[in-house]
Amino acid sequence: MTKIEFGTVMNYIRAATGVEFRDGMLDVYFDCLGDLSSETLQLVAKRVLMEHRWSNFPSIAELREAAALTIRGEVSGLSPAEGWELAWKAICKIDLDVDDSLQRATKGLPPIVVDAMDAMGIANLVGGEDPVAVVRAQFLKVFEQLAARDKRLALLPASTREAIEQHRPQGEIAAPVKLAIAGIGKDVA
């Protein structure tokens, strides 16, 4: 996106909030939001202005969060309770003695639901001895933690994530997220 396109969207937000730009403000916002397309940023501006309750200028974090949802095509995120409902329906279809049962039961589920199920342990979900209320509470907590992780990752542009990862000292153990993505330590208790 060009600085002129960016300025047009920022002026749109300024007109809606009545807040004047301070020195250097546009440069900082462009540095943090300039990786978005002008069409996406315009949608994000409308979205945030409709949800923003105060007469101050929306923060970069608010705009990035709305951008992450907009880029994924989400009007609202999946709640932990909705995730549990999807997981529970899938769990009821899983038979650990049937080879492709797990794949069929989880096909089409949002990745975060499958990740939460994996983190809980499929065998524990299917044949565990804990009461359903306890399993549900544990699932909700795991789901919330994974959603928070995904939100943090989605807020950062790829270039910023890469720059942060490059600051890790040579030989340092990789971030837990990379280990989880690689499947390392998945079966460790």
C-alpha atoms as a PDB file:
ATOM      1  CA  MET A   1       0.000   0.000   0.000  1.00  0.00           C
ATOM      2  CA  THR A   2       1.244   3.471  -0.767  1.00  0.00           C
ATOM      3  CA  LYS A   3       1.538   6.204   1.836  1.00  0.00           C
ATOM      4  CA  ILE A   4      -1.169   8.155  -0.010  1.00  0.00           C
ATOM      5  CA  GLU A   5      -3.612   5.209   0.226  1.00  0.00           C
ATOM      6  CA  PHE A   6      -2.634   4.767   3.859  1.00  0.00           C
ATOM      7  CA  GLY A   7      -3.181   8.467   4.556  1.00  0.00           C
ATOM      8  CA  THR A   8      -6.643   8.295   3.007  1.00  0.00           C
ATOM      9  CA  VAL A   9      -7.687   5.533   5.416  1.00  0.00           C
ATOM     10  CA  MET A  10      -6.119   7.286   8.401  1.00  0.00           C
ATOM     11  CA  ASN A  11      -7.973  10.493   7.493  1.00  0.00           C
ATOM     12  CA  TYR A  12     -11.170   8.445   7.354  1.00  0.00           C
ATOM     13  CA  ILE A  13     -10.534   7.274  10.935  1.00  0.00           C
ATOM     14  CA  ARG A  14      -9.571  10.804  11.986  1.00  0.00           C
ATOM     15  CA  ALA A  15     -12.819  12.191  10.566  1.00  0.00           C
ATOM     16  CA  ALA A  16     -14.826   9.579  12.480  1.00  0.00           C
ATOM     17  CA  THR A  17     -13.045  10.077  15.812  1.00  0.00           C
ATOM     18  CA  GLY A  18     -12.335  13.793  15.607  1.00  0.00           C
ATOM     19  CA  VAL A  19      -8.779  13.175  16.816  1.00  0.00           C
ATOM     20  CA  GLU A  20      -5.934  15.124  15.203  1.00  0.00           C
ATOM     21  CA  PHE A  21      -2.659  13.415  14.346  1.00  0.00           C
ATOM     22  CA  ARG A  22       0.296  14.050  16.636  1.00  0.00           C
ATOM     23  CA  ASP A  23       3.866  14.435  15.377  1.00  0.00           C
ATOM     24  CA  GLY A  24       5.206  11.193  13.933  1.00  0.00           C
ATOM     25  CA  MET A  25       1.943   9.319  14.544  1.00  0.00           C
ATOM     26  CA  LEU A  26       1.266   8.512  10.879  1.00  0.00           C
ATOM     27  CA  ASP A  27       4.824   7.257  10.376  1.00  0.00           C
ATOM     28  CA  VAL A  28       4.532   4.846  13.305  1.00  0.00           C
ATOM     29  CA  TYR A  29       1.107   3.623  12.211  1.00  0.00           C
ATOM     30  CA  PHE A  30       2.354   3.139   8.637  1.00  0.00           C
ATOM     31  CA  ASP A  31       5.389   1.214   9.893  1.00  0.00           C
ATOM     32  CA  CYS A  32       3.106  -1.157  11.842  1.00  0.00           C
ATOM     33  CA  LEU A  33       0.189  -1.387   9.389  1.00  0.00           C
ATOM     34  CA  GLY A  34       1.744  -0.675   5.988  1.00  0.00           C
ATOM     35  CA  ASP A  35       1.998  -4.375   5.114  1.00  0.00           C
ATOM     36  CA  LEU A  36      -1.791  -4.565   4.747  1.00  0.00           C
ATOM     37  CA  SER A  37      -3.491  -3.894   1.439  1.00  0.00           C
ATOM     38  CA  SER A  38      -5.415  -0.633   1.206  1.00  0.00           C
ATOM     39  CA  GLU A  39      -8.678  -2.586   0.725  1.00  0.00           C
ATOM     40  CA  THR A  40      -8.032  -4.608   3.873  1.00  0.00           C
ATOM     41  CA  LEU A  41      -7.111  -1.526   5.892  1.00  0.00           C
ATOM     42  CA  GLN A  42     -10.289   0.247   4.737  1.00  0.00           C
ATOM     43  CA  LEU A  43     -12.397  -2.733   5.893  1.00  0.00           C
ATOM     44  CA  VAL A  44     -10.456  -2.833   9.149  1.00  0.00           C
ATOM     45  CA  ALA A  45     -11.053   0.886   9.700  1.00  0.00           C
ATOM     46  CA  LYS A  46     -14.810   0.466   9.246  1.00  0.00           C
ATOM     47  CA  ARG A  47     -14.855  -2.601  11.466  1.00  0.00           C
ATOM     48  CA  VAL A  48     -12.918  -0.957  14.281  1.00  0.00           C
ATOM     49  CA  LEU A  49     -14.887   2.289  14.093  1.00  0.00           C
ATOM     50  CA  MET A  50     -18.143   0.354  14.452  1.00  0.00           C
ATOM     51  CA  GLU A  51     -16.824  -1.523  17.498  1.00  0.00           C
ATOM     52  CA  HIS A  52     -14.680   1.270  19.018  1.00  0.00           C
ATOM     53  CA  ARG A  53     -16.668   2.921  21.815  1.00  0.00           C
ATOM     54  CA  TRP A  54     -14.425   5.857  22.661  1.00  0.00           C
ATOM     55  CA  SER A  55     -13.658   9.098  20.863  1.00  0.00           C
ATOM     56  CA  ASN A  56      -9.930   8.431  20.737  1.00  0.00           C
ATOM     57  CA  PHE A  57      -7.907   7.161  17.803  1.00  0.00           C
ATOM     58  CA  PRO A  58      -7.860   3.326  17.662  1.00  0.00           C
ATOM     59  CA  SER A  59      -4.581   1.782  18.724  1.00  0.00           C
ATOM     60  CA  ILE A  60      -2.319  -0.117  16.373  1.00  0.00           C
ATOM     61  CA  ALA A  61      -3.121  -3.269  18.363  1.00  0.00           C
ATOM     62  CA  GLU A  62      -6.884  -2.811  17.801  1.00  0.00           C
ATOM     63  CA  LEU A  63      -6.351  -2.291  14.085  1.00  0.00           C
ATOM     64  CA  ARG A  64      -3.983  -5.295  13.782  1.00  0.00           C
ATOM     65  CA  GLU A  65      -6.365  -7.541  15.695  1.00  0.00           C
ATOM     66  CA  ALA A  66      -9.235  -6.531  13.406  1.00  0.00           C
ATOM     67  CA  ALA A  67      -6.931  -7.051  10.406  1.00  0.00           C
ATOM     68  CA  ALA A  68      -6.065 -10.586  11.536  1.00  0.00           C
ATOM     69  CA  LEU A  69      -9.750 -11.473  11.806  1.00  0.00           C
ATOM     70  CA  THR A  70     -10.608  -9.748   8.532  1.00  0.00           C
ATOM     71  CA  ILE A  71      -7.842 -11.484   6.590  1.00  0.00           C
ATOM     72  CA  ARG A  72      -9.081 -14.855   7.887  1.00  0.00           C
ATOM     73  CA  GLY A  73     -12.641 -13.885   6.925  1.00  0.00           C
ATOM     74  CA  GLU A  74     -13.871 -14.129  10.518  1.00  0.00           C
ATOM     75  CA  VAL A  75     -16.705 -11.899  11.622  1.00  0.00           C
ATOM     76  CA  SER A  76     -16.110 -13.143  15.152  1.00  0.00           C
ATOM     77  CA  GLY A  77     -13.754 -15.723  16.568  1.00  0.00           C
ATOM     78  CA  LEU A  78     -14.771 -19.197  17.682  1.00  0.00           C
ATOM     79  CA  SER A  79     -15.560 -19.145  21.394  1.00  0.00           C
ATOM     80  CA  PRO A  80     -14.171 -21.828  23.711  1.00  0.00           C
ATOM     81  CA  ALA A  81     -17.719 -23.109  24.310  1.00  0.00           C
ATOM     82  CA  GLU A  82     -18.329 -23.417  20.553  1.00  0.00           C
ATOM     83  CA  GLY A  83     -14.981 -25.193  20.233  1.00  0.00           C
ATOM     84  CA  TRP A  84     -15.992 -27.643  22.957  1.00  0.00           C
ATOM     85  CA  GLU A  85     -19.296 -28.352  21.233  1.00  0.00           C
ATOM     86  CA  LEU A  86     -17.485 -29.198  17.988  1.00  0.00           C
ATOM     87  CA  ALA A  87     -14.877 -31.280  19.814  1.00  0.00           C
ATOM     88  CA  TRP A  88     -17.479 -33.202  21.816  1.00  0.00           C
ATOM     89  CA  LYS A  89     -19.424 -34.105  18.663  1.00  0.00           C
ATOM     90  CA  ALA A  90     -16.164 -35.355  17.109  1.00  0.00           C
ATOM     91  CA  ILE A  91     -15.152 -37.264  20.251  1.00  0.00           C
ATOM     92  CA  CYS A  92     -18.468 -39.137  20.191  1.00  0.00           C
ATOM     93  CA  LYS A  93     -17.609 -40.393  16.674  1.00  0.00           C
ATOM     94  CA  ILE A  94     -14.086 -41.629  17.492  1.00  0.00           C
ATOM     95  CA  ASP A  95     -13.398 -45.325  17.987  1.00  0.00           C
ATOM     96  CA  LEU A  96      -9.732 -45.830  18.871  1.00  0.00           C
ATOM     97  CA  ASP A  97      -9.890 -49.388  17.504  1.00  0.00           C
ATOM     98  CA  VAL A  98     -10.828 -48.172  14.000  1.00  0.00           C
ATOM     99  CA  ASP A  99      -7.842 -46.892  11.999  1.00  0.00           C
ATOM    100  CA  ASP A 100      -9.308 -43.851  10.236  1.00  0.00           C
ATOM    101  CA  SER A 101     -11.914 -43.001  12.863  1.00  0.00           C
ATOM    102  CA  LEU A 102      -9.954 -40.028  14.218  1.00  0.00           C
ATOM    103  CA  GLN A 103      -9.319 -38.557  10.765  1.00  0.00           C
ATOM    104  CA  ARG A 104     -12.975 -38.897   9.765  1.00  0.00           C
ATOM    105  CA  ALA A 105     -14.237 -37.432  13.047  1.00  0.00           C
ATOM    106  CA  THR A 106     -11.948 -34.385  12.924  1.00  0.00           C
ATOM    107  CA  LYS A 107     -12.204 -33.721   9.191  1.00  0.00           C
ATOM    108  CA  GLY A 108     -13.410 -30.170   8.606  1.00  0.00           C
ATOM    109  CA  LEU A 109     -12.946 -29.061  12.211  1.00  0.00           C
ATOM    110  CA  PRO A 110     -11.209 -25.716  12.768  1.00  0.00           C
ATOM    111  CA  PRO A 111      -7.476 -26.317  13.390  1.00  0.00           C
ATOM    112  CA  ILE A 112      -7.664 -24.801  16.880  1.00  0.00           C
ATOM    113  CA  VAL A 113     -10.259 -27.405  17.917  1.00  0.00           C
ATOM    114  CA  VAL A 114      -8.065 -30.243  16.648  1.00  0.00           C
ATOM    115  CA  ASP A 115      -5.013 -28.687  18.359  1.00  0.00           C
ATOM    116  CA  ALA A 116      -6.908 -28.491  21.670  1.00  0.00           C
ATOM    117  CA  MET A 117      -8.027 -32.098  21.299  1.00  0.00           C
ATOM    118  CA  ASP A 118      -4.424 -33.167  20.582  1.00  0.00           C
ATOM    119  CA  ALA A 119      -3.150 -31.191  23.578  1.00  0.00           C
ATOM    120  CA  MET A 120      -5.681 -32.919  25.823  1.00  0.00           C
ATOM    121  CA  GLY A 121      -4.819 -36.335  24.394  1.00  0.00           C
ATOM    122  CA  ILE A 122      -7.299 -38.085  22.137  1.00  0.00           C
ATOM    123  CA  ALA A 123      -7.224 -41.281  24.212  1.00  0.00           C
ATOM    124  CA  ASN A 124      -8.011 -39.297  27.361  1.00  0.00           C
ATOM    125  CA  LEU A 125     -10.915 -37.545  25.653  1.00  0.00           C
ATOM    126  CA  VAL A 126     -12.384 -40.723  24.207  1.00  0.00           C
ATOM    127  CA  GLY A 127     -11.813 -43.196  27.013  1.00  0.00           C
ATOM    128  CA  GLY A 128     -10.847 -41.130  30.010  1.00  0.00           C
ATOM    129  CA  GLU A 129     -12.386 -41.664  33.411  1.00  0.00           C
ATOM    130  CA  ASP A 130     -12.822 -38.005  34.389  1.00  0.00           C
ATOM    131  CA  PRO A 131     -16.370 -36.643  34.524  1.00  0.00           C
ATOM    132  CA  VAL A 132     -17.422 -34.784  31.372  1.00  0.00           C
ATOM    133  CA  ALA A 133     -17.681 -31.506  33.319  1.00  0.00           C
ATOM    134  CA  VAL A 134     -14.010 -31.786  34.321  1.00  0.00           C
ATOM    135  CA  VAL A 135     -12.907 -32.657  30.780  1.00  0.00           C
ATOM    136  CA  ARG A 136     -14.958 -29.738  29.425  1.00  0.00           C
ATOM    137  CA  ALA A 137     -13.363 -27.292  31.872  1.00  0.00           C
ATOM    138  CA  GLN A 138      -9.894 -28.538  30.955  1.00  0.00           C
ATOM    139  CA  PHE A 139     -10.683 -28.294  27.236  1.00  0.00           C
ATOM    140  CA  LEU A 140     -11.957 -24.715  27.622  1.00  0.00           C
ATOM    141  CA  LYS A 141      -8.732 -23.698  29.381  1.00  0.00           C
ATOM    142  CA  VAL A 142      -6.533 -25.334  26.722  1.00  0.00           C
ATOM    143  CA  PHE A 143      -8.640 -23.756  23.966  1.00  0.00           C
ATOM    144  CA  GLU A 144      -8.273 -20.290  25.551  1.00  0.00           C
ATOM    145  CA  GLN A 145      -4.496 -20.708  25.769  1.00  0.00           C
ATOM    146  CA  LEU A 146      -4.234 -21.797  22.133  1.00  0.00           C
ATOM    147  CA  ALA A 147      -6.505 -18.940  21.016  1.00  0.00           C
ATOM    148  CA  ALA A 148      -4.316 -16.444  22.896  1.00  0.00           C
ATOM    149  CA  ARG A 149      -1.226 -17.898  21.206  1.00  0.00           C
ATOM    150  CA  ASP A 150      -2.841 -17.692  17.778  1.00  0.00           C
ATOM    151  CA  LYS A 151      -3.951 -14.122  18.454  1.00  0.00           C
ATOM    152  CA  ARG A 152      -0.417 -13.072  19.407  1.00  0.00           C
ATOM    153  CA  LEU A 153       0.973 -14.695  16.265  1.00  0.00           C
ATOM    154  CA  ALA A 154      -1.692 -13.154  14.025  1.00  0.00           C
ATOM    155  CA  LEU A 155      -1.035  -9.637  15.309  1.00  0.00           C
ATOM    156  CA  LEU A 156       2.554  -9.592  14.097  1.00  0.00           C
ATOM    157  CA  PRO A 157       3.349  -9.155  10.421  1.00  0.00           C
ATOM    158  CA  ALA A 158       5.515 -11.956   9.021  1.00  0.00           C
ATOM    159  CA  SER A 159       8.485  -9.597   8.656  1.00  0.00           C
ATOM    160  CA  THR A 160       8.332  -8.642  12.357  1.00  0.00           C
ATOM    161  CA  ARG A 161       8.022 -12.285  13.433  1.00  0.00           C
ATOM    162  CA  GLU A 162      11.054 -13.194  11.328  1.00  0.00           C
ATOM    163  CA  ALA A 163      13.063 -10.271  12.725  1.00  0.00           C
ATOM    164  CA  ILE A 164      12.226 -11.333  16.286  1.00  0.00           C
ATOM    165  CA  GLU A 165      13.198 -14.940  15.560  1.00  0.00           C
ATOM    166  CA  GLN A 166      16.514 -13.775  14.066  1.00  0.00           C
ATOM    167  CA  HIS A 167      17.360 -12.096  17.388  1.00  0.00           C
ATOM    168  CA  ARG A 168      17.459 -15.479  19.101  1.00  0.00           C
ATOM    169  CA  PRO A 169      21.096 -16.295  19.932  1.00  0.00           C
ATOM    170  CA  GLN A 170      22.783 -19.051  17.903  1.00  0.00           C
ATOM    171  CA  GLY A 171      22.277 -22.485  19.450  1.00  0.00           C
ATOM    172  CA  GLU A 172      19.359 -21.297  21.590  1.00  0.00           C
ATOM    173  CA  ILE A 173      16.502 -23.773  21.930  1.00  0.00           C
ATOM    174  CA  ALA A 174      13.692 -22.976  19.489  1.00  0.00           C
ATOM    175  CA  ALA A 175      10.540 -21.313  20.765  1.00  0.00           C
ATOM    176  CA  PRO A 176       7.886 -23.660  22.178  1.00  0.00           C
ATOM    177  CA  VAL A 177       5.572 -22.675  19.333  1.00  0.00           C
ATOM    178  CA  LYS A 178       8.060 -23.986  16.778  1.00  0.00           C
ATOM    179  CA  LEU A 179       8.451 -27.183  18.778  1.00  0.00           C
ATOM    180  CA  ALA A 180       4.682 -27.634  18.925  1.00  0.00           C
ATOM    181  CA  ILE A 181       4.295 -26.979  15.210  1.00  0.00           C
ATOM    182  CA  ALA A 182       7.051 -29.472  14.464  1.00  0.00           C
ATOM    183  CA  GLY A 183       5.325 -32.037  16.705  1.00  0.00           C
ATOM    184  CA  ILE A 184       8.331 -32.308  19.000  1.00  0.00           C
ATOM    185  CA  GLY A 185       7.398 -33.231  22.554  1.00  0.00           C
ATOM    186  CA  LYS A 186       3.777 -33.841  21.603  1.00  0.00           C
ATOM    187  CA  ASP A 187       3.572 -37.069  23.576  1.00  0.00           C
ATOM    188  CA  VAL A 188       5.547 -35.848  26.573  1.00  0.00           C
ATOM    189  CA  ALA A 189       3.518 -35.781  29.791  1.00  0.00           C
END
